[in-house]
Amino acid sequence: MPYPVWTSTQYPMCWISTPSKCVQFKSLFFSKIDLLCAFHQIPVVENDIPKTEMMTPFGLFEYPFMNFGFRNAAQSFQHFMDRVVRGLGIVVMHTDDILVASSSPWQHMEHHQQVLSHLQDHGLKIHPNKCIFGAPSVDFLGHRVTTAGLEPLP
């Protein structure tokens, strides 16, 4: 779904305390999924594409995808991703970082299938080199998430 570039968007971002809910349910397996060039996978509304115009050594260039510098990029992307993972209570997500937590290996595989299916349905690609699957702990948004809890990274 295309997003407007210049319309002011007021949408809440995820709080870092949110990953602690994964520990409440005695999760033993954690995965971190990172999206590949996340913002650049979201198309801009057709009418706003000319507003992205910039001068390059090769002439004018219009950017048809969301860029990090757009005024409402972070809020629009968070809104888009909240819609992508809607109904999946097994994830915590902040912008392009997704945390999956499960209590058993079988459940974790099922959760992965659900999350990856939702991402694929929305045409999103992951960055495999930055993903961690089925670990006893993961670093997420400046914190280490483990079976024991949430602690700040040193």
Protein backbone atom coordinates (compact mmCIF):
# COMPACT_ATOMS: atom_id res chain seq x y z
CA MET A 1 0.00 0.00 0.00
CA PRO A 2 1.53 3.35 -1.03
CA TYR A 3 2.07 6.01 1.62
CA PRO A 4 1.94 9.81 1.29
CA VAL A 5 5.25 11.61 1.67
CA TRP A 6 4.30 15.07 2.88
CA THR A 7 1.17 14.52 4.93
CA SER A 8 1.93 14.91 8.62
CA THR A 9 1.52 11.54 10.30
CA GLN A 10 1.07 11.14 14.02
CA TYR A 11 1.50 7.47 14.83
CA PRO A 12 3.02 5.98 18.00
CA MET A 13 6.34 4.20 17.85
CA CYS A 14 7.07 1.02 19.85
CA TRP A 15 8.47 1.43 23.38
CA ILE A 16 11.58 -0.53 24.37
CA SER A 17 9.76 -1.99 27.37
CA THR A 18 7.52 -3.93 24.98
CA PRO A 19 10.01 -6.83 24.52
CA SER A 20 9.60 -7.60 28.21
CA LYS A 21 6.19 -9.09 27.41
CA CYS A 22 8.02 -11.96 25.68
CA VAL A 23 9.68 -12.89 28.95
CA GLN A 24 6.37 -12.81 30.84
CA PHE A 25 5.20 -15.85 28.89
CA LYS A 26 8.33 -17.86 29.75
CA SER A 27 9.74 -17.75 26.24
CA LEU A 28 12.78 -19.97 25.72
CA PHE A 29 13.48 -19.37 22.03
CA PHE A 30 14.06 -16.00 20.45
CA SER A 31 14.59 -14.81 16.91
CA LYS A 32 15.36 -11.42 15.48
CA ILE A 33 14.30 -10.65 11.92
CA ASP A 34 15.68 -7.62 10.10
CA LEU A 35 14.09 -6.33 6.91
CA LEU A 36 16.25 -5.66 3.86
CA CYS A 37 16.28 -1.94 2.98
CA ALA A 38 13.02 -1.68 4.86
CA PHE A 39 11.85 1.82 4.02
CA HIS A 40 12.80 1.36 0.37
CA GLN A 41 10.30 -1.49 0.03
CA ILE A 42 7.32 0.83 0.61
CA PRO A 43 5.97 2.68 -2.44
CA VAL A 44 5.12 6.38 -2.27
CA VAL A 45 1.66 7.58 -3.33
CA GLU A 46 1.76 8.36 -7.07
CA ASN A 47 0.87 12.05 -6.56
CA ASP A 48 3.76 12.51 -4.11
CA ILE A 49 6.50 11.03 -6.31
CA PRO A 50 7.27 14.41 -8.00
CA LYS A 51 7.79 15.87 -4.51
CA THR A 52 10.73 13.51 -4.00
CA GLU A 53 12.60 15.03 -6.94
CA MET A 54 16.30 15.74 -6.41
CA MET A 55 19.14 16.94 -8.59
CA THR A 56 21.91 14.47 -9.42
CA PRO A 57 24.93 14.75 -11.75
CA PHE A 58 22.79 12.82 -14.26
CA GLY A 59 19.75 15.10 -14.06
CA LEU A 60 16.59 15.13 -11.97
CA PHE A 61 15.69 11.95 -10.11
CA GLU A 62 12.32 11.06 -8.58
CA TYR A 63 12.25 8.52 -5.77
CA PRO A 64 9.17 6.21 -5.99
CA PHE A 65 9.83 4.53 -2.64
CA MET A 66 9.89 5.76 0.94
CA ASN A 67 13.18 7.31 1.96
CA PHE A 68 14.61 7.71 5.48
CA GLY A 69 14.66 11.49 5.17
CA PHE A 70 10.96 11.92 4.50
CA ARG A 71 9.15 13.88 7.17
CA ASN A 72 6.81 11.06 8.21
CA ALA A 73 8.85 8.03 7.12
CA ALA A 74 9.32 6.45 10.56
CA GLN A 75 5.67 6.82 11.60
CA SER A 76 4.34 5.68 8.21
CA PHE A 77 6.62 2.66 8.20
CA GLN A 78 5.66 1.73 11.78
CA HIS A 79 1.98 2.00 10.82
CA PHE A 80 2.56 -0.20 7.76
CA MET A 81 4.45 -2.82 9.79
CA ASP A 82 1.81 -2.84 12.54
CA ARG A 83 -0.70 -3.74 9.83
CA VAL A 84 1.62 -6.46 8.47
CA VAL A 85 1.98 -8.21 11.85
CA ARG A 86 -1.56 -7.48 13.08
CA GLY A 87 -3.01 -10.53 14.76
CA LEU A 88 0.40 -12.04 15.52
CA GLY A 89 0.68 -11.71 19.29
CA ILE A 90 3.97 -13.58 19.10
CA VAL A 91 6.03 -10.65 17.85
CA VAL A 92 7.41 -7.38 19.08
CA MET A 93 8.31 -5.00 16.32
CA HIS A 94 10.05 -1.65 16.05
CA THR A 95 10.39 -0.20 12.58
CA ASP A 96 12.28 -2.90 10.63
CA ASP A 97 13.32 -5.09 13.58
CA ILE A 98 11.04 -7.97 14.53
CA LEU A 99 11.42 -10.07 17.68
CA VAL A 100 9.76 -13.51 17.78
CA ALA A 101 9.51 -15.35 21.11
CA SER A 102 8.25 -18.88 21.77
CA SER A 103 8.27 -21.45 24.55
CA SER A 104 9.15 -24.56 22.48
CA PRO A 105 11.11 -25.32 19.30
CA TRP A 106 7.98 -26.58 17.52
CA GLN A 107 6.02 -23.51 18.50
CA HIS A 108 8.96 -21.35 17.36
CA MET A 109 8.96 -22.97 13.91
CA GLU A 110 5.21 -22.37 13.64
CA HIS A 111 5.64 -18.74 14.69
CA HIS A 112 8.35 -18.27 12.07
CA GLN A 113 6.12 -19.68 9.38
CA GLN A 114 3.36 -17.24 10.36
CA VAL A 115 5.65 -14.20 10.49
CA LEU A 116 7.49 -15.00 7.25
CA SER A 117 4.18 -15.70 5.53
CA HIS A 118 2.83 -12.29 6.58
CA LEU A 119 6.01 -10.60 5.36
CA GLN A 120 5.85 -12.43 2.03
CA ASP A 121 2.14 -11.59 1.62
CA HIS A 122 3.09 -7.90 1.85
CA GLY A 123 6.05 -8.23 -0.52
CA LEU A 124 8.68 -7.64 2.15
CA LYS A 125 12.15 -9.17 2.04
CA ILE A 126 14.38 -9.99 4.99
CA HIS A 127 18.12 -9.41 5.41
CA PRO A 128 19.29 -13.00 6.14
CA ASN A 129 22.78 -11.97 7.32
CA LYS A 130 21.27 -9.79 10.05
CA CYS A 131 18.69 -12.33 11.26
CA ILE A 132 19.10 -14.69 14.23
CA PHE A 133 16.80 -17.70 14.54
CA GLY A 134 15.98 -19.90 17.55
CA ALA A 135 18.54 -18.51 20.00
CA PRO A 136 18.33 -18.55 23.82
CA SER A 137 18.93 -14.78 23.74
CA VAL A 138 19.05 -11.96 21.19
CA ASP A 139 20.14 -8.35 21.23
CA PHE A 140 17.16 -6.17 20.36
CA LEU A 141 16.96 -2.37 20.38
CA GLY A 142 19.93 -1.92 22.71
CA HIS A 143 18.83 -4.65 25.12
CA ARG A 144 19.53 -8.34 25.54
CA VAL A 145 16.34 -10.39 25.62
CA THR A 146 16.78 -13.72 27.43
CA THR A 147 14.70 -16.26 29.30
CA ALA A 148 15.70 -14.39 32.49
CA GLY A 149 14.47 -11.02 31.30
CA LEU A 150 15.39 -7.82 29.55
CA GLU A 151 18.71 -6.15 30.32
CA PRO A 152 20.54 -3.20 28.74
CA LEU A 153 23.52 -4.02 26.58
CA PRO A 154 26.90 -3.04 28.06
